[in-house]
Amino acid sequence: MKKWFLVFVFFYAINNLKSQDLNQSDLVSSCQNFNELNNNILLGSINKNSATMMVKFQLQLINQIYFQIQKFDSNFNKFYFPIQGYNAKAIGGKSGNGYVPAGFDYFDGDKHTGHAAHDIFINDKNQDALDDKTKKPANILAFTGGVVIAMSPNWDSTSTLRGGKYIYVYNPILNIICYYAHCKDIYVKIGDIVKPKQVIATVGRTGLNAFKKRSPTHLHFMILKLDANLYPNPINSYNLLLKSKF
């Protein structure tokens, strides 16, 4: 798709938004469009230049709709540890060395390299995706508030995709996107506005590598920070996890 056409479509959409009474359904629709775009990026079915521009446009649309329908909520700035009943001791590696951003690019989709995230492990020796102590699934909590812009509620063991069941939550106030992967059950939908500490899923073993017996049960947690051009760059969330509320 030609860049000039994308620019025209975007500015046409923005101008139309300014003259409309927007509601939650408009937000859902825009997030569904982003979700479809994210799927194409994940599968490598869209070239990087087009994907970069379209992600920027879609996030700006979502941002504009969000701020028209949602009042400012200072609670969106709060951070909560993303697994209920656990704390920073559950983070894999030593002093955050599990975060390896070299080679990672969101636009490489499932072909990316590096490990621009932290794996947070639950106590699950028999790998049944249940906490050994409570005998119940471990709840995944929203690290901070935001809008569900992409997710995959389905995955089967024949899939070669590494993230399994996942959720992307965009915080338009902090300009970050939180990614939660290898989920078991997901409790949110595209376009949902979630609050910090809200239960959004449970820890699972979905995804090509996470499903294998050699992999302990864990949450793959990543934060992407949007730069001035809305390019999603990974950041090391280790210190934020250390300071988050439990």
Protein backbone atom coordinates (compact mmCIF):
# COMPACT_ATOMS: atom_id res chain seq x y z
CA MET A 1 0.00 0.00 0.00
CA LYS A 2 1.37 3.41 -1.00
CA LYS A 3 2.52 5.66 1.85
CA TRP A 4 0.72 8.69 0.48
CA PHE A 5 -2.54 6.74 0.49
CA LEU A 6 -2.02 5.67 4.11
CA VAL A 7 -1.37 9.28 5.07
CA PHE A 8 -4.56 10.38 3.32
CA VAL A 9 -6.63 7.67 5.03
CA PHE A 10 -5.22 8.56 8.43
CA PHE A 11 -5.84 12.30 8.24
CA TYR A 12 -9.30 11.69 6.81
CA ALA A 13 -10.08 9.40 9.77
CA ILE A 14 -8.68 11.89 12.31
CA ASN A 15 -10.72 14.77 10.91
CA ASN A 16 -13.87 12.65 10.96
CA LEU A 17 -13.23 11.67 14.58
CA LYS A 18 -13.09 15.30 15.65
CA SER A 19 -16.62 15.89 14.40
CA GLN A 20 -18.20 12.75 15.85
CA ASP A 21 -19.64 11.78 19.19
CA LEU A 22 -17.40 8.86 20.06
CA ASN A 23 -18.20 5.96 22.35
CA GLN A 24 -16.85 2.62 23.53
CA SER A 25 -17.86 0.88 20.29
CA ASP A 26 -15.57 3.23 18.33
CA LEU A 27 -12.71 2.28 20.63
CA VAL A 28 -13.46 -1.41 20.20
CA SER A 29 -13.54 -1.06 16.43
CA SER A 30 -10.17 0.73 16.33
CA CYS A 31 -8.62 -1.87 18.65
CA GLN A 32 -9.97 -4.67 16.45
CA ASN A 33 -8.23 -3.05 13.49
CA PHE A 34 -4.99 -2.90 15.48
CA ASN A 35 -5.42 -6.54 16.49
CA GLU A 36 -5.72 -7.55 12.83
CA LEU A 37 -2.62 -5.52 12.02
CA ASN A 38 -0.75 -7.14 14.91
CA ASN A 39 -1.69 -10.58 13.58
CA ASN A 40 -0.28 -9.69 10.16
CA ILE A 41 2.95 -8.50 11.77
CA LEU A 42 3.16 -11.64 13.89
CA LEU A 43 2.75 -13.87 10.83
CA GLY A 44 5.09 -11.77 8.67
CA SER A 45 2.39 -11.10 6.08
CA ILE A 46 3.00 -7.34 5.89
CA ASN A 47 6.22 -5.52 5.05
CA LYS A 48 7.94 -3.55 7.79
CA ASN A 49 7.60 -0.09 6.22
CA SER A 50 3.84 -0.40 5.80
CA ALA A 51 3.46 -2.00 9.23
CA THR A 52 5.44 0.79 10.93
CA MET A 53 3.26 3.49 9.42
CA MET A 54 0.00 1.65 10.05
CA VAL A 55 0.86 0.93 13.69
CA LYS A 56 1.55 4.62 14.22
CA PHE A 57 -1.75 5.60 12.62
CA GLN A 58 -3.78 3.01 14.53
CA LEU A 59 -2.27 3.98 17.89
CA GLN A 60 -2.98 7.65 17.22
CA LEU A 61 -6.58 6.81 16.40
CA ILE A 62 -6.95 4.73 19.56
CA ASN A 63 -5.30 7.49 21.58
CA GLN A 64 -7.64 10.16 20.22
CA ILE A 65 -10.76 8.09 20.84
CA TYR A 66 -9.62 7.10 24.32
CA PHE A 67 -9.10 10.67 25.47
CA GLN A 68 -12.47 11.71 24.07
CA ILE A 69 -14.44 9.04 25.91
CA GLN A 70 -12.38 8.47 29.07
CA LYS A 71 -11.69 10.88 31.91
CA PHE A 72 -8.13 11.12 33.21
CA ASP A 73 -7.46 8.47 35.83
CA SER A 74 -4.35 8.95 37.95
CA ASN A 75 -4.57 5.29 38.98
CA PHE A 76 -3.32 4.39 35.50
CA ASN A 77 0.13 5.47 36.71
CA LYS A 78 0.23 2.80 39.41
CA PHE A 79 2.14 -0.45 38.94
CA TYR A 80 1.22 -3.84 40.39
CA PHE A 81 3.24 -7.04 40.22
CA PRO A 82 1.68 -9.00 37.35
CA ILE A 83 1.13 -12.32 39.13
CA GLN A 84 -1.15 -12.38 42.15
CA GLY A 85 0.45 -13.84 45.26
CA TYR A 86 3.99 -13.54 43.89
CA ASN A 87 6.73 -10.92 44.08
CA ALA A 88 10.05 -10.01 42.47
CA LYS A 89 11.67 -13.21 43.75
CA ALA A 90 9.74 -15.05 41.02
CA ILE A 91 11.53 -13.17 38.23
CA GLY A 92 13.86 -15.46 36.30
CA GLY A 93 17.60 -14.93 36.03
CA LYS A 94 19.76 -12.92 38.40
CA SER A 95 19.19 -9.20 39.01
CA GLY A 96 17.22 -8.87 35.81
CA ASN A 97 19.76 -10.48 33.47
CA GLY A 98 16.97 -12.41 31.74
CA TYR A 99 16.27 -9.25 29.77
CA VAL A 100 18.22 -9.48 26.49
CA PRO A 101 16.96 -6.84 24.02
CA ALA A 102 19.68 -7.29 21.37
CA GLY A 103 18.07 -8.34 18.10
CA PHE A 104 14.50 -7.71 19.20
CA ASP A 105 12.18 -5.69 16.97
CA TYR A 106 8.40 -5.77 17.37
CA PHE A 107 8.02 -5.58 13.60
CA ASP A 108 9.91 -8.84 13.12
CA GLY A 109 6.83 -10.58 14.49
CA ASP A 110 7.33 -14.17 15.59
CA LYS A 111 10.73 -14.22 13.88
CA HIS A 112 12.30 -11.75 16.32
CA THR A 113 15.43 -12.67 18.23
CA GLY A 114 16.60 -11.69 21.69
CA HIS A 115 14.49 -11.84 24.84
CA ALA A 116 13.31 -8.29 25.56
CA ALA A 117 11.18 -9.38 28.50
CA HIS A 118 11.22 -10.95 31.94
CA ASP A 119 9.93 -14.43 32.64
CA ILE A 120 8.06 -14.65 35.95
CA PHE A 121 7.76 -18.22 37.24
CA ILE A 122 5.04 -19.79 39.35
CA ASN A 123 5.36 -22.83 41.65
CA ASP A 124 4.19 -25.63 39.38
CA LYS A 125 6.39 -28.72 39.64
CA ASN A 126 3.94 -31.06 37.89
CA GLN A 127 3.32 -28.52 35.09
CA ASP A 128 -0.46 -28.57 35.32
CA ALA A 129 -0.62 -24.73 35.25
CA LEU A 130 -1.87 -24.71 38.84
CA ASP A 131 -0.07 -23.16 41.78
CA ASP A 132 1.35 -26.00 43.89
CA LYS A 133 0.26 -24.34 47.13
CA THR A 134 -3.23 -23.08 46.28
CA LYS A 135 -4.02 -25.81 43.70
CA LYS A 136 -5.59 -23.01 41.64
CA PRO A 137 -4.53 -21.10 38.52
CA ALA A 138 -2.22 -18.14 39.18
CA ASN A 139 -3.97 -14.92 38.25
CA ILE A 140 -2.27 -12.45 35.91
CA LEU A 141 -2.89 -8.88 37.03
CA ALA A 142 -2.78 -5.78 34.85
CA PHE A 143 0.61 -4.25 35.62
CA THR A 144 -0.92 -0.85 34.92
CA GLY A 145 -4.13 0.45 33.37
CA GLY A 146 -4.85 0.63 29.67
CA VAL A 147 -6.80 -0.55 26.67
CA VAL A 148 -6.67 -4.10 25.28
CA ILE A 149 -5.46 -3.52 21.72
CA ALA A 150 -4.51 -7.07 20.74
CA MET A 151 -4.90 -10.57 22.06
CA SER A 152 -5.05 -14.23 21.11
CA PRO A 153 -7.51 -16.27 23.20
CA ASN A 154 -6.81 -19.49 21.28
CA TRP A 155 -3.77 -21.69 20.83
CA ASP A 156 -3.18 -25.39 20.23
CA SER A 157 -0.10 -27.55 20.61
CA THR A 158 0.40 -27.88 16.84
CA SER A 159 1.01 -24.14 16.48
CA THR A 160 4.58 -22.94 15.94
CA LEU A 161 3.84 -19.46 17.37
CA ARG A 162 5.88 -18.75 20.48
CA GLY A 163 3.60 -16.39 22.41
CA GLY A 164 0.67 -18.78 22.75
CA LYS A 165 -2.33 -17.01 24.24
CA TYR A 166 -1.32 -13.39 24.80
CA ILE A 167 -2.60 -9.89 25.58
CA TYR A 168 -1.33 -6.43 24.58
CA VAL A 169 -2.52 -3.56 26.82
CA TYR A 170 -1.82 0.01 25.68
CA ASN A 171 -1.59 2.74 28.31
CA PRO A 172 -2.17 6.03 26.42
CA ILE A 173 -1.20 8.13 29.44
CA LEU A 174 2.22 6.54 29.97
CA ASN A 175 2.65 5.74 26.26
CA ILE A 176 3.60 2.13 26.92
CA ILE A 177 2.31 -1.24 25.79
CA CYS A 178 2.41 -4.20 28.18
CA TYR A 179 2.61 -7.70 26.72
CA TYR A 180 1.52 -10.80 28.66
CA ALA A 181 2.27 -14.15 26.97
CA HIS A 182 1.83 -17.91 27.58
CA CYS A 183 -1.57 -17.34 29.22
CA LYS A 184 -4.04 -20.11 30.01
CA ASP A 185 -7.45 -18.45 30.36
CA ILE A 186 -8.04 -14.87 29.22
CA TYR A 187 -10.74 -12.73 30.85
CA VAL A 188 -10.64 -9.56 28.73
CA LYS A 189 -11.72 -8.65 25.21
CA ILE A 190 -10.45 -6.38 22.47
CA GLY A 191 -11.24 -2.76 23.36
CA ASP A 192 -11.72 -3.37 27.09
CA ILE A 193 -10.39 -0.66 29.38
CA VAL A 194 -8.61 -2.38 32.25
CA LYS A 195 -7.56 -0.98 35.60
CA PRO A 196 -4.26 -1.62 37.40
CA LYS A 197 -4.38 -4.87 39.41
CA GLN A 198 -7.40 -6.16 37.46
CA VAL A 199 -7.33 -9.91 36.82
CA ILE A 200 -6.92 -10.23 33.06
CA ALA A 201 -5.81 -13.86 32.63
CA THR A 202 -4.15 -16.84 34.28
CA VAL A 203 -0.62 -18.15 33.85
CA GLY A 204 -0.41 -21.03 31.40
CA ARG A 205 1.90 -23.07 29.23
CA THR A 206 0.81 -21.95 25.78
CA GLY A 207 3.31 -21.19 23.03
CA LEU A 208 5.82 -23.33 21.12
CA ASN A 209 8.59 -23.33 23.73
CA ALA A 210 6.53 -22.67 26.87
CA PHE A 211 4.49 -25.81 26.14
CA LYS A 212 7.55 -28.07 26.17
CA LYS A 213 8.36 -30.03 29.31
CA ARG A 214 11.78 -28.41 29.66
CA SER A 215 10.09 -25.05 30.26
CA PRO A 216 8.88 -24.20 33.81
CA THR A 217 5.45 -22.55 33.92
CA HIS A 218 5.81 -18.79 33.61
CA LEU A 219 4.47 -15.46 32.41
CA HIS A 220 6.46 -13.75 29.67
CA PHE A 221 6.15 -10.04 30.50
CA MET A 222 7.39 -7.23 28.27
CA ILE A 223 6.95 -3.46 28.13
CA LEU A 224 7.22 -1.54 24.86
CA LYS A 225 7.79 2.21 25.15
CA LEU A 226 6.49 4.33 22.28
CA ASP A 227 8.99 6.92 21.10
CA ALA A 228 8.14 10.29 19.50
CA ASN A 229 7.24 8.49 16.26
CA LEU A 230 5.18 5.88 18.13
CA TYR A 231 7.74 3.19 17.38
CA PRO A 232 7.42 0.45 20.04
CA ASN A 233 10.85 -0.08 21.60
CA PRO A 234 11.36 -2.57 24.44
CA ILE A 235 12.47 -1.27 27.83
CA ASN A 236 13.84 -3.16 30.79
CA SER A 237 10.97 -3.38 33.27
CA TYR A 238 13.04 -4.99 36.03
CA ASN A 239 13.27 -1.93 38.29
CA LEU A 240 9.58 -1.18 37.74
CA LEU A 241 8.75 -4.74 38.77
CA LEU A 242 10.89 -4.35 41.90
CA LYS A 243 9.03 -1.19 42.87
CA SER A 244 5.55 -2.45 41.94
CA LYS A 245 2.89 -3.09 44.55
CA PHE A 246 2.18 -6.66 45.63
